[in-house]
Amino acid sequence: MRKALDILEFPKPYHFSSFYDNLQDCDMWLQLTKAKFEGKGTYGKEDIDKLLGHCGAVTDMPRHLFTEETIEWYPEAKVVLVELNIDSCVSIPMKLDPSFLGRIAGVGIAGVDKQIGGGNTVAAAKARLKEMYRKHYAFVRSVTPKERLLEYSLADRWGPLREFLSKPMPTVPFPHENETARDKKGF
């Protein structure tokens, strides 16, 4: 999605991979996550603006942990709910190794922990991850005004995405850098 948003000419689409360009973001996201989920500090729109104010679009983790707040704080923003194949997504958080890339992995681990509820083992995490994906999708649907929401499958490629976002048809194929064969068939 980050690549697709970039091709659609949204300035600086923000994605988990954006941490590679600015490690200080990791520290800020960890502070926000602790404030929201552990009551250690406060957070508000101004904090999200510091992180994302320069971006024309945002996707992926850890922003999804602040879904309700960002929908409220940015009433003009459109929401694209990407229906991924849950089976293909289950393995992704399992690959996060706490010793790999320090602060980046720390944000990933904190986000996964908040989403799946502290599953410290692969078996515990897998047991809850599919359920949490489904709950998150339902939550996004419940807090997003229908006119601002596109329920989108990567299998649909450019059509509904560019139409919903009021963008012209790109002259390049839809990117599929992270897709598995299952994702290409849709959810």
N, C-alpha and C. Protein backbone atom coordinates (compact mmCIF):
# COMPACT_ATOMS: atom_id res chain seq x y z
N MET A 1 0.82 -1.20 0.00
CA MET A 1 0.00 0.00 0.00
C MET A 1 0.86 1.26 0.00
N ARG A 2 1.96 1.24 0.74
CA ARG A 2 2.81 2.43 0.76
C ARG A 2 3.28 2.76 -0.65
N LYS A 3 3.69 1.77 -1.37
CA LYS A 3 4.17 1.98 -2.74
C LYS A 3 3.03 2.48 -3.63
N ALA A 4 1.84 1.90 -3.49
CA ALA A 4 0.69 2.34 -4.29
C ALA A 4 0.36 3.80 -3.99
N LEU A 5 0.38 4.19 -2.71
CA LEU A 5 0.10 5.58 -2.33
C LEU A 5 1.16 6.53 -2.87
N ASP A 6 2.39 6.06 -2.91
CA ASP A 6 3.48 6.85 -3.49
C ASP A 6 3.24 7.06 -4.99
N ILE A 7 2.89 6.00 -5.69
CA ILE A 7 2.61 6.09 -7.13
C ILE A 7 1.43 7.02 -7.39
N LEU A 8 0.44 7.02 -6.50
CA LEU A 8 -0.71 7.92 -6.63
C LEU A 8 -0.37 9.36 -6.24
N GLU A 9 0.89 9.60 -5.92
CA GLU A 9 1.45 10.92 -5.63
C GLU A 9 0.96 11.54 -4.34
N PHE A 10 0.75 10.71 -3.33
CA PHE A 10 0.56 11.25 -1.99
C PHE A 10 1.96 11.52 -1.45
N PRO A 11 2.20 12.74 -0.92
CA PRO A 11 3.55 13.04 -0.45
C PRO A 11 3.94 12.21 0.77
N LYS A 12 5.10 11.63 0.70
CA LYS A 12 5.73 10.90 1.80
C LYS A 12 4.78 9.95 2.54
N PRO A 13 4.23 8.94 1.87
CA PRO A 13 3.37 7.99 2.58
C PRO A 13 4.15 7.34 3.74
N TYR A 14 3.53 7.32 4.89
CA TYR A 14 4.18 6.80 6.10
C TYR A 14 3.80 5.34 6.29
N HIS A 15 4.79 4.55 6.61
CA HIS A 15 4.65 3.10 6.75
C HIS A 15 5.67 2.65 7.79
N PHE A 16 5.50 1.47 8.32
CA PHE A 16 6.46 0.94 9.29
C PHE A 16 7.89 1.06 8.77
N SER A 17 8.08 0.87 7.47
CA SER A 17 9.42 0.96 6.89
C SER A 17 9.99 2.38 6.94
N SER A 18 9.16 3.38 7.23
CA SER A 18 9.64 4.76 7.35
C SER A 18 10.63 4.91 8.51
N PHE A 19 10.59 3.98 9.44
CA PHE A 19 11.53 4.04 10.57
C PHE A 19 12.98 3.96 10.10
N TYR A 20 13.22 3.30 9.00
CA TYR A 20 14.59 3.19 8.49
C TYR A 20 15.15 4.56 8.14
N ASP A 21 14.28 5.49 7.81
CA ASP A 21 14.72 6.84 7.47
C ASP A 21 14.81 7.77 8.67
N ASN A 22 14.15 7.42 9.77
CA ASN A 22 14.14 8.31 10.93
C ASN A 22 13.91 7.49 12.21
N LEU A 23 14.98 7.05 12.82
CA LEU A 23 14.87 6.22 14.02
C LEU A 23 14.25 6.94 15.21
N GLN A 24 14.30 8.28 15.22
CA GLN A 24 13.68 9.00 16.33
C GLN A 24 12.17 8.76 16.38
N ASP A 25 11.57 8.45 15.23
CA ASP A 25 10.14 8.13 15.22
C ASP A 25 9.85 6.93 16.12
N CYS A 26 10.76 5.99 16.16
CA CYS A 26 10.56 4.81 17.02
C CYS A 26 10.36 5.23 18.47
N ASP A 27 11.21 6.12 18.93
CA ASP A 27 11.11 6.58 20.32
C ASP A 27 9.78 7.29 20.57
N MET A 28 9.35 8.11 19.61
CA MET A 28 8.08 8.83 19.77
C MET A 28 6.90 7.87 19.77
N TRP A 29 6.89 6.88 18.86
CA TRP A 29 5.79 5.91 18.82
C TRP A 29 5.74 5.09 20.11
N LEU A 30 6.91 4.72 20.62
CA LEU A 30 6.93 3.97 21.88
C LEU A 30 6.35 4.79 23.02
N GLN A 31 6.67 6.09 23.06
CA GLN A 31 6.10 6.96 24.10
C GLN A 31 4.58 7.05 23.96
N LEU A 32 4.10 7.21 22.73
CA LEU A 32 2.65 7.29 22.51
C LEU A 32 1.96 5.98 22.90
N THR A 33 2.57 4.88 22.55
CA THR A 33 1.99 3.57 22.87
C THR A 33 1.92 3.37 24.38
N LYS A 34 2.98 3.75 25.08
CA LYS A 34 2.98 3.64 26.55
C LYS A 34 1.94 4.57 27.16
N ALA A 35 1.79 5.76 26.60
CA ALA A 35 0.79 6.71 27.13
C ALA A 35 -0.61 6.15 26.95
N LYS A 36 -0.91 5.64 25.79
CA LYS A 36 -2.26 5.15 25.53
C LYS A 36 -2.58 3.87 26.28
N PHE A 37 -1.69 2.91 26.23
CA PHE A 37 -2.01 1.57 26.73
C PHE A 37 -1.55 1.30 28.15
N GLU A 38 -0.59 2.10 28.64
CA GLU A 38 -0.07 1.85 29.99
C GLU A 38 -0.28 3.03 30.92
N GLY A 39 -0.86 4.13 30.42
CA GLY A 39 -1.09 5.30 31.25
C GLY A 39 0.18 6.02 31.66
N LYS A 40 1.26 5.82 30.92
CA LYS A 40 2.54 6.45 31.23
C LYS A 40 2.72 7.68 30.35
N GLY A 41 2.15 8.79 30.79
CA GLY A 41 2.22 10.03 30.03
C GLY A 41 0.90 10.32 29.35
N THR A 42 0.93 11.35 28.53
CA THR A 42 -0.27 11.76 27.80
C THR A 42 0.06 11.83 26.32
N TYR A 43 -0.98 11.89 25.51
CA TYR A 43 -0.78 12.02 24.07
C TYR A 43 -1.99 12.76 23.50
N GLY A 44 -1.76 13.39 22.36
CA GLY A 44 -2.84 14.11 21.70
C GLY A 44 -2.54 14.29 20.23
N LYS A 45 -3.42 15.01 19.56
CA LYS A 45 -3.29 15.24 18.13
C LYS A 45 -1.94 15.87 17.79
N GLU A 46 -1.46 16.76 18.64
CA GLU A 46 -0.19 17.43 18.36
C GLU A 46 0.97 16.42 18.29
N ASP A 47 0.89 15.35 19.06
CA ASP A 47 1.93 14.32 19.01
C ASP A 47 1.89 13.56 17.69
N ILE A 48 0.69 13.23 17.24
CA ILE A 48 0.55 12.54 15.95
C ILE A 48 0.98 13.49 14.82
N ASP A 49 0.65 14.77 14.95
CA ASP A 49 1.07 15.75 13.94
C ASP A 49 2.59 15.82 13.83
N LYS A 50 3.29 15.72 14.96
CA LYS A 50 4.76 15.74 14.93
C LYS A 50 5.30 14.57 14.11
N LEU A 51 4.65 13.44 14.25
CA LEU A 51 5.10 12.25 13.54
C LEU A 51 4.63 12.21 12.09
N LEU A 52 3.41 12.63 11.85
CA LEU A 52 2.79 12.39 10.55
C LEU A 52 2.40 13.64 9.78
N GLY A 53 2.63 14.82 10.36
CA GLY A 53 2.18 16.06 9.73
C GLY A 53 2.76 16.32 8.35
N HIS A 54 3.90 15.75 8.05
CA HIS A 54 4.54 15.95 6.75
C HIS A 54 4.09 14.92 5.70
N CYS A 55 3.21 14.01 6.10
CA CYS A 55 2.81 12.90 5.24
C CYS A 55 1.45 13.15 4.59
N GLY A 56 1.32 12.69 3.37
CA GLY A 56 0.05 12.80 2.67
C GLY A 56 -0.82 11.59 2.84
N ALA A 57 -0.25 10.51 3.37
CA ALA A 57 -0.98 9.27 3.61
C ALA A 57 -0.22 8.45 4.65
N VAL A 58 -0.97 7.61 5.35
CA VAL A 58 -0.37 6.78 6.40
C VAL A 58 -0.93 5.37 6.27
N THR A 59 -0.08 4.40 6.45
CA THR A 59 -0.51 3.02 6.40
C THR A 59 0.30 2.19 7.39
N ASP A 60 -0.25 1.08 7.79
CA ASP A 60 0.48 0.08 8.56
C ASP A 60 0.61 0.44 10.04
N MET A 61 1.42 -0.30 10.67
CA MET A 61 1.68 -0.23 12.09
C MET A 61 2.76 0.81 12.36
N PRO A 62 2.74 1.54 13.43
CA PRO A 62 1.90 1.45 14.61
C PRO A 62 0.70 2.41 14.58
N ARG A 63 0.51 3.14 13.49
CA ARG A 63 -0.59 4.08 13.41
C ARG A 63 -1.93 3.39 13.67
N HIS A 64 -2.05 2.15 13.28
CA HIS A 64 -3.34 1.46 13.44
C HIS A 64 -3.75 1.34 14.91
N LEU A 65 -2.80 1.46 15.82
CA LEU A 65 -3.12 1.41 17.25
C LEU A 65 -3.88 2.65 17.70
N PHE A 66 -3.89 3.67 16.87
CA PHE A 66 -4.55 4.94 17.17
C PHE A 66 -5.67 5.23 16.16
N THR A 67 -6.34 4.19 15.74
CA THR A 67 -7.38 4.30 14.71
C THR A 67 -8.48 5.28 15.10
N GLU A 68 -9.08 5.09 16.25
CA GLU A 68 -10.21 5.93 16.64
C GLU A 68 -9.79 7.39 16.76
N GLU A 69 -8.63 7.62 17.36
CA GLU A 69 -8.15 9.00 17.53
C GLU A 69 -7.89 9.67 16.18
N THR A 70 -7.22 8.97 15.28
CA THR A 70 -6.89 9.62 14.01
C THR A 70 -8.13 9.85 13.15
N ILE A 71 -9.11 8.96 13.23
CA ILE A 71 -10.36 9.20 12.49
C ILE A 71 -11.05 10.44 13.05
N GLU A 72 -11.03 10.60 14.36
CA GLU A 72 -11.64 11.78 14.99
C GLU A 72 -10.84 13.05 14.72
N TRP A 73 -9.53 12.98 14.85
CA TRP A 73 -8.69 14.17 14.73
C TRP A 73 -8.53 14.66 13.30
N TYR A 74 -8.75 13.79 12.32
CA TYR A 74 -8.58 14.17 10.91
C TYR A 74 -9.88 13.88 10.17
N PRO A 75 -10.91 14.71 10.39
CA PRO A 75 -12.25 14.42 9.86
C PRO A 75 -12.36 14.46 8.34
N GLU A 76 -11.39 15.00 7.65
CA GLU A 76 -11.41 15.01 6.19
C GLU A 76 -10.69 13.81 5.58
N ALA A 77 -9.98 13.07 6.40
CA ALA A 77 -9.18 11.94 5.90
C ALA A 77 -10.08 10.79 5.44
N LYS A 78 -9.66 10.15 4.37
CA LYS A 78 -10.33 8.96 3.89
C LYS A 78 -9.61 7.75 4.48
N VAL A 79 -10.36 6.67 4.68
CA VAL A 79 -9.81 5.47 5.29
C VAL A 79 -9.95 4.31 4.30
N VAL A 80 -8.83 3.68 4.00
CA VAL A 80 -8.82 2.51 3.14
C VAL A 80 -8.54 1.31 4.03
N LEU A 81 -9.52 0.46 4.18
CA LEU A 81 -9.37 -0.75 5.00
C LEU A 81 -8.97 -1.87 4.06
N VAL A 82 -7.70 -2.23 4.11
CA VAL A 82 -7.16 -3.25 3.21
C VAL A 82 -7.42 -4.62 3.79
N GLU A 83 -8.25 -5.36 3.11
CA GLU A 83 -8.57 -6.73 3.54
C GLU A 83 -7.47 -7.66 3.06
N LEU A 84 -6.53 -7.92 3.92
CA LEU A 84 -5.44 -8.84 3.60
C LEU A 84 -5.87 -10.26 3.91
N ASN A 85 -5.19 -11.18 3.30
CA ASN A 85 -5.42 -12.58 3.61
C ASN A 85 -4.82 -12.83 4.99
N ILE A 86 -5.65 -13.08 5.97
CA ILE A 86 -5.20 -13.22 7.35
C ILE A 86 -4.18 -14.35 7.49
N ASP A 87 -4.37 -15.43 6.77
CA ASP A 87 -3.42 -16.54 6.87
C ASP A 87 -2.01 -16.12 6.47
N SER A 88 -1.90 -15.25 5.47
CA SER A 88 -0.57 -14.83 5.05
C SER A 88 0.03 -13.82 6.01
N CYS A 89 -0.80 -13.13 6.79
CA CYS A 89 -0.32 -12.11 7.72
C CYS A 89 0.15 -12.70 9.04
N VAL A 90 -0.32 -13.88 9.38
CA VAL A 90 -0.01 -14.46 10.69
C VAL A 90 1.48 -14.64 10.88
N SER A 91 2.20 -14.95 9.82
CA SER A 91 3.63 -15.21 9.97
C SER A 91 4.46 -13.95 10.13
N ILE A 92 3.95 -12.80 9.71
CA ILE A 92 4.74 -11.58 9.74
C ILE A 92 5.18 -11.19 11.16
N PRO A 93 4.27 -11.05 12.15
CA PRO A 93 4.72 -10.68 13.49
C PRO A 93 5.63 -11.72 14.12
N MET A 94 5.53 -12.95 13.69
CA MET A 94 6.36 -13.99 14.27
C MET A 94 7.83 -13.81 13.90
N LYS A 95 8.08 -13.03 12.85
CA LYS A 95 9.45 -12.83 12.38
C LYS A 95 10.14 -11.69 13.12
N LEU A 96 9.43 -10.97 13.97
CA LEU A 96 10.03 -9.88 14.71
C LEU A 96 10.92 -10.44 15.81
N ASP A 97 12.17 -10.16 15.72
CA ASP A 97 13.15 -10.66 16.68
C ASP A 97 13.60 -9.47 17.53
N PRO A 98 13.44 -9.55 18.87
CA PRO A 98 13.77 -8.40 19.72
C PRO A 98 15.23 -7.96 19.61
N SER A 99 16.11 -8.82 19.14
CA SER A 99 17.51 -8.42 19.04
C SER A 99 17.84 -7.82 17.68
N PHE A 100 16.87 -7.79 16.76
CA PHE A 100 17.11 -7.31 15.40
C PHE A 100 16.71 -5.84 15.27
N LEU A 101 17.61 -5.03 14.86
CA LEU A 101 17.39 -3.60 14.58
C LEU A 101 16.87 -2.79 15.77
N GLY A 102 17.17 -3.21 16.96
CA GLY A 102 16.93 -2.43 18.16
C GLY A 102 15.61 -1.69 18.24
N ARG A 103 15.65 -0.37 18.05
CA ARG A 103 14.47 0.47 18.25
C ARG A 103 13.35 0.13 17.27
N ILE A 104 13.68 -0.21 16.04
CA ILE A 104 12.65 -0.55 15.06
C ILE A 104 11.90 -1.79 15.53
N ALA A 105 12.64 -2.80 15.93
CA ALA A 105 11.99 -4.02 16.43
C ALA A 105 11.20 -3.72 17.69
N GLY A 106 11.68 -2.79 18.52
CA GLY A 106 10.97 -2.43 19.74
C GLY A 106 9.57 -1.90 19.45
N VAL A 107 9.44 -1.06 18.42
CA VAL A 107 8.13 -0.54 18.05
C VAL A 107 7.26 -1.68 17.51
N GLY A 108 7.85 -2.52 16.69
CA GLY A 108 7.11 -3.66 16.15
C GLY A 108 6.61 -4.57 17.23
N ILE A 109 7.45 -4.88 18.17
CA ILE A 109 7.08 -5.77 19.27
C ILE A 109 6.01 -5.12 20.15
N ALA A 110 6.17 -3.82 20.43
CA ALA A 110 5.16 -3.13 21.25
C ALA A 110 3.82 -3.12 20.55
N GLY A 111 3.82 -2.87 19.24
CA GLY A 111 2.57 -2.86 18.48
C GLY A 111 1.91 -4.21 18.44
N VAL A 112 2.69 -5.24 18.20
CA VAL A 112 2.15 -6.60 18.18
C VAL A 112 1.63 -6.97 19.56
N ASP A 113 2.37 -6.61 20.60
CA ASP A 113 1.94 -6.91 21.97
C ASP A 113 0.61 -6.25 22.28
N LYS A 114 0.44 -4.98 21.89
CA LYS A 114 -0.81 -4.28 22.18
C LYS A 114 -1.96 -4.85 21.36
N GLN A 115 -1.67 -5.31 20.15
CA GLN A 115 -2.73 -5.82 19.30
C GLN A 115 -3.15 -7.23 19.67
N ILE A 116 -2.20 -8.10 20.00
CA ILE A 116 -2.57 -9.49 20.26
C ILE A 116 -2.57 -9.83 21.74
N GLY A 117 -2.31 -8.86 22.58
CA GLY A 117 -2.49 -9.06 24.01
C GLY A 117 -1.40 -9.82 24.73
N GLY A 118 -0.17 -9.52 24.42
CA GLY A 118 0.93 -10.07 25.21
C GLY A 118 1.25 -11.52 24.92
N GLY A 119 1.01 -12.00 23.72
CA GLY A 119 1.39 -13.36 23.38
C GLY A 119 2.89 -13.47 23.30
N ASN A 120 3.52 -14.00 24.33
CA ASN A 120 4.97 -14.06 24.38
C ASN A 120 5.55 -15.26 23.65
N THR A 121 4.73 -16.16 23.20
CA THR A 121 5.22 -17.29 22.44
C THR A 121 4.56 -17.27 21.07
N VAL A 122 5.20 -17.94 20.13
CA VAL A 122 4.64 -18.00 18.78
C VAL A 122 3.25 -18.64 18.81
N ALA A 123 3.12 -19.72 19.57
CA ALA A 123 1.83 -20.41 19.65
C ALA A 123 0.74 -19.50 20.22
N ALA A 124 1.06 -18.77 21.28
CA ALA A 124 0.08 -17.86 21.89
C ALA A 124 -0.31 -16.74 20.93
N ALA A 125 0.68 -16.21 20.23
CA ALA A 125 0.40 -15.12 19.29
C ALA A 125 -0.46 -15.59 18.13
N LYS A 126 -0.13 -16.73 17.57
CA LYS A 126 -0.91 -17.26 16.45
C LYS A 126 -2.35 -17.57 16.87
N ALA A 127 -2.50 -18.01 18.10
CA ALA A 127 -3.84 -18.35 18.58
C ALA A 127 -4.76 -17.14 18.60
N ARG A 128 -4.21 -15.95 18.80
CA ARG A 128 -5.05 -14.74 18.91
C ARG A 128 -5.00 -13.83 17.70
N LEU A 129 -4.00 -13.98 16.86
CA LEU A 129 -3.79 -13.00 15.80
C LEU A 129 -4.94 -12.92 14.80
N LYS A 130 -5.44 -14.03 14.32
CA LYS A 130 -6.56 -13.99 13.37
C LYS A 130 -7.78 -13.30 13.99
N GLU A 131 -8.07 -13.64 15.23
CA GLU A 131 -9.19 -13.02 15.93
C GLU A 131 -8.99 -11.51 16.03
N MET A 132 -7.78 -11.09 16.34
CA MET A 132 -7.51 -9.66 16.49
C MET A 132 -7.60 -8.92 15.15
N TYR A 133 -7.15 -9.54 14.07
CA TYR A 133 -7.32 -8.92 12.76
C TYR A 133 -8.80 -8.68 12.49
N ARG A 134 -9.61 -9.70 12.71
CA ARG A 134 -11.05 -9.57 12.45
C ARG A 134 -11.67 -8.50 13.35
N LYS A 135 -11.27 -8.46 14.61
CA LYS A 135 -11.80 -7.44 15.52
C LYS A 135 -11.38 -6.04 15.07
N HIS A 136 -10.13 -5.92 14.61
CA HIS A 136 -9.66 -4.61 14.15
C HIS A 136 -10.46 -4.16 12.93
N TYR A 137 -10.68 -5.05 11.97
CA TYR A 137 -11.48 -4.69 10.79
C TYR A 137 -12.87 -4.22 11.23
N ALA A 138 -13.49 -4.98 12.13
CA ALA A 138 -14.84 -4.61 12.61
C ALA A 138 -14.81 -3.27 13.32
N PHE A 139 -13.77 -3.03 14.10
CA PHE A 139 -13.64 -1.76 14.83
C PHE A 139 -13.51 -0.60 13.85
N VAL A 140 -12.65 -0.73 12.85
CA VAL A 140 -12.48 0.34 11.86
C VAL A 140 -13.82 0.63 11.19
N ARG A 141 -14.54 -0.41 10.82
CA ARG A 141 -15.86 -0.21 10.19
C ARG A 141 -16.82 0.52 11.13
N SER A 142 -16.72 0.23 12.42
CA SER A 142 -17.67 0.82 13.38
C SER A 142 -17.39 2.29 13.69
N VAL A 143 -16.14 2.74 13.56
CA VAL A 143 -15.80 4.11 13.93
C VAL A 143 -15.59 5.03 12.73
N THR A 144 -15.63 4.49 11.53
CA THR A 144 -15.40 5.30 10.34
C THR A 144 -16.72 5.59 9.64
N PRO A 145 -17.02 6.86 9.41
CA PRO A 145 -18.22 7.18 8.63
C PRO A 145 -18.15 6.47 7.26
N LYS A 146 -19.25 5.90 6.84
CA LYS A 146 -19.28 5.09 5.61
C LYS A 146 -18.76 5.84 4.38
N GLU A 147 -19.05 7.12 4.31
CA GLU A 147 -18.60 7.89 3.14
C GLU A 147 -17.08 8.11 3.12
N ARG A 148 -16.43 7.86 4.24
CA ARG A 148 -14.97 8.01 4.32
C ARG A 148 -14.24 6.68 4.24
N LEU A 149 -14.97 5.57 4.07
CA LEU A 149 -14.36 4.24 4.16
C LEU A 149 -14.43 3.50 2.83
N LEU A 150 -13.29 2.96 2.41
CA LEU A 150 -13.22 2.04 1.28
C LEU A 150 -12.74 0.70 1.82
N GLU A 151 -13.57 -0.31 1.68
CA GLU A 151 -13.13 -1.67 2.02
C GLU A 151 -12.51 -2.22 0.76
N TYR A 152 -11.22 -2.46 0.81
CA TYR A 152 -10.41 -2.67 -0.38
C TYR A 152 -9.65 -3.98 -0.32
N SER A 153 -9.62 -4.65 -1.45
CA SER A 153 -8.81 -5.86 -1.61
C SER A 153 -7.69 -5.54 -2.59
N LEU A 154 -6.49 -5.99 -2.29
CA LEU A 154 -5.37 -5.77 -3.19
C LEU A 154 -5.62 -6.38 -4.56
N ALA A 155 -6.45 -7.40 -4.62
CA ALA A 155 -6.78 -8.03 -5.90
C ALA A 155 -7.52 -7.07 -6.83
N ASP A 156 -8.13 -6.01 -6.28
CA ASP A 156 -8.85 -5.03 -7.10
C ASP A 156 -7.93 -4.04 -7.80
N ARG A 157 -6.67 -4.03 -7.44
CA ARG A 157 -5.67 -3.18 -8.06
C ARG A 157 -6.08 -1.70 -8.01
N TRP A 158 -5.82 -0.97 -9.09
CA TRP A 158 -5.99 0.48 -9.09
C TRP A 158 -7.43 0.96 -9.05
N GLY A 159 -8.34 0.27 -9.72
CA GLY A 159 -9.71 0.74 -9.92
C GLY A 159 -10.35 1.44 -8.74
N PRO A 160 -10.84 0.70 -7.76
CA PRO A 160 -11.56 1.35 -6.66
C PRO A 160 -10.67 2.25 -5.79
N LEU A 161 -9.40 1.92 -5.68
CA LEU A 161 -8.50 2.71 -4.83
C LEU A 161 -8.32 4.11 -5.40
N ARG A 162 -7.93 4.21 -6.64
CA ARG A 162 -7.69 5.54 -7.22
C ARG A 162 -8.99 6.31 -7.36
N GLU A 163 -10.09 5.63 -7.60
CA GLU A 163 -11.38 6.30 -7.70
C GLU A 163 -11.78 6.90 -6.34
N PHE A 164 -11.67 6.11 -5.28
CA PHE A 164 -12.02 6.56 -3.94
C PHE A 164 -11.14 7.73 -3.50
N LEU A 165 -9.87 7.69 -3.88
CA LEU A 165 -8.93 8.73 -3.50
C LEU A 165 -8.86 9.88 -4.50
N SER A 166 -9.73 9.85 -5.50
CA SER A 166 -9.82 10.90 -6.52
C SER A 166 -8.49 11.15 -7.22
N LYS A 167 -7.88 10.08 -7.68
CA LYS A 167 -6.60 10.16 -8.37
C LYS A 167 -6.74 9.61 -9.79
N PRO A 168 -5.95 10.13 -10.73
CA PRO A 168 -6.00 9.59 -12.09
C PRO A 168 -5.39 8.17 -12.14
N MET A 169 -5.74 7.43 -13.19
CA MET A 169 -5.23 6.08 -13.36
C MET A 169 -3.72 6.13 -13.61
N PRO A 170 -2.93 5.45 -12.79
CA PRO A 170 -1.48 5.41 -13.00
C PRO A 170 -1.13 4.68 -14.30
N THR A 171 0.02 5.02 -14.82
CA THR A 171 0.48 4.39 -16.06
C THR A 171 1.36 3.17 -15.79
N VAL A 172 1.54 2.84 -14.53
CA VAL A 172 2.35 1.68 -14.16
C VAL A 172 1.47 0.63 -13.50
N PRO A 173 1.89 -0.63 -13.53
CA PRO A 173 1.10 -1.68 -12.88
C PRO A 173 1.03 -1.47 -11.38
N PHE A 174 -0.01 -2.03 -10.78
CA PHE A 174 -0.16 -1.96 -9.34
C PHE A 174 1.00 -2.70 -8.69
N PRO A 175 1.64 -2.12 -7.67
CA PRO A 175 2.78 -2.78 -7.02
C PRO A 175 2.32 -4.00 -6.22
N HIS A 176 3.17 -4.99 -6.15
CA HIS A 176 2.84 -6.19 -5.39
C HIS A 176 4.07 -6.75 -4.69
N GLU A 177 4.84 -5.85 -4.11
CA GLU A 177 6.11 -6.22 -3.48
C GLU A 177 5.97 -7.18 -2.31
N ASN A 178 4.91 -7.06 -1.52
CA ASN A 178 4.75 -7.89 -0.33
C ASN A 178 3.66 -8.93 -0.45
N GLU A 179 3.11 -9.09 -1.62
CA GLU A 179 1.99 -10.00 -1.78
C GLU A 179 2.43 -11.45 -1.87
N THR A 180 1.60 -12.30 -1.33
CA THR A 180 1.77 -13.73 -1.53
C THR A 180 0.79 -14.14 -2.62
N ALA A 181 0.87 -15.35 -3.08
CA ALA A 181 -0.07 -15.84 -4.10
C ALA A 181 -1.50 -15.74 -3.58
N ARG A 182 -1.73 -15.99 -2.29
CA ARG A 182 -3.07 -15.90 -1.72
C ARG A 182 -3.60 -14.47 -1.75
N ASP A 183 -2.73 -13.48 -1.47
CA ASP A 183 -3.17 -12.08 -1.47
C ASP A 183 -3.64 -11.66 -2.86
N LYS A 184 -3.00 -12.15 -3.89
CA LYS A 184 -3.35 -11.77 -5.25
C LYS A 184 -4.75 -12.25 -5.61
N LYS A 185 -5.23 -13.27 -4.94
CA LYS A 185 -6.57 -13.78 -5.18
C LYS A 185 -7.61 -13.03 -4.36
N GLY A 186 -7.17 -12.22 -3.42
CA GLY A 186 -8.10 -11.48 -2.55
C GLY A 186 -8.35 -12.22 -1.27
N PHE A 187 -9.08 -11.58 -0.38
CA PHE A 187 -9.34 -12.12 0.97
C PHE A 187 -10.52 -13.05 0.93
